[in-house]
Amino acid sequence: MEQPPDPTATEDEAVTRSKDAGPNEESRDEPSPAILSAEQS
């Protein structure tokens, strides 16, 4: 059930994981510009 190395899928997964982890995870792991732009879009 592993997704292909798609930049869009990876970004989406990162955003979902960040939201799932919560603000604590985001504070500990600074969000990369790619994730930031994905969230802003």
Protein backbone atom coordinates (compact mmCIF):
# COMPACT_ATOMS: atom_id res chain seq x y z
CA MET A 1 0.00 0.00 0.00
CA GLU A 2 3.00 2.28 -0.56
CA GLN A 3 2.49 5.31 -2.77
CA PRO A 4 4.83 6.07 -5.68
CA PRO A 5 7.55 8.73 -5.22
CA ASP A 6 5.26 11.55 -6.30
CA PRO A 7 6.24 15.05 -5.10
CA THR A 8 2.58 16.00 -4.74
CA ALA A 9 1.70 12.85 -2.80
CA THR A 10 4.73 13.28 -0.56
CA GLU A 11 3.80 16.90 0.15
CA ASP A 12 0.22 15.93 0.88
CA GLU A 13 1.39 13.17 3.22
CA ALA A 14 3.72 15.55 5.03
CA VAL A 15 0.94 18.09 5.51
CA THR A 16 -1.45 15.40 6.74
CA ARG A 17 1.16 14.03 9.14
CA SER A 18 1.90 17.51 10.47
CA LYS A 19 -1.80 18.13 11.14
CA ASP A 20 -2.18 14.65 12.63
CA ALA A 21 0.82 15.12 14.92
CA GLY A 22 -0.45 18.48 16.14
CA PRO A 23 1.22 21.82 16.93
CA ASN A 24 3.76 20.10 19.19
CA GLU A 25 5.19 18.16 16.27
CA GLU A 26 5.23 21.28 14.08
CA SER A 27 7.06 23.28 16.74
CA ARG A 28 9.66 20.55 17.17
CA ASP A 29 10.02 20.01 13.43
CA GLU A 30 9.96 23.31 11.55
CA PRO A 31 7.71 23.02 8.48
CA SER A 32 9.60 23.22 5.20
CA PRO A 33 8.69 25.91 2.62
CA ALA A 34 7.13 23.22 0.44
CA ILE A 35 4.69 22.27 3.18
CA LEU A 36 4.02 25.92 3.99
CA SER A 37 3.11 26.71 0.38
CA ALA A 38 0.93 23.60 0.23
CA GLU A 39 -0.97 24.70 3.33
CA GLN A 40 -1.38 28.25 2.03
CA SER A 41 -2.71 27.12 -1.36
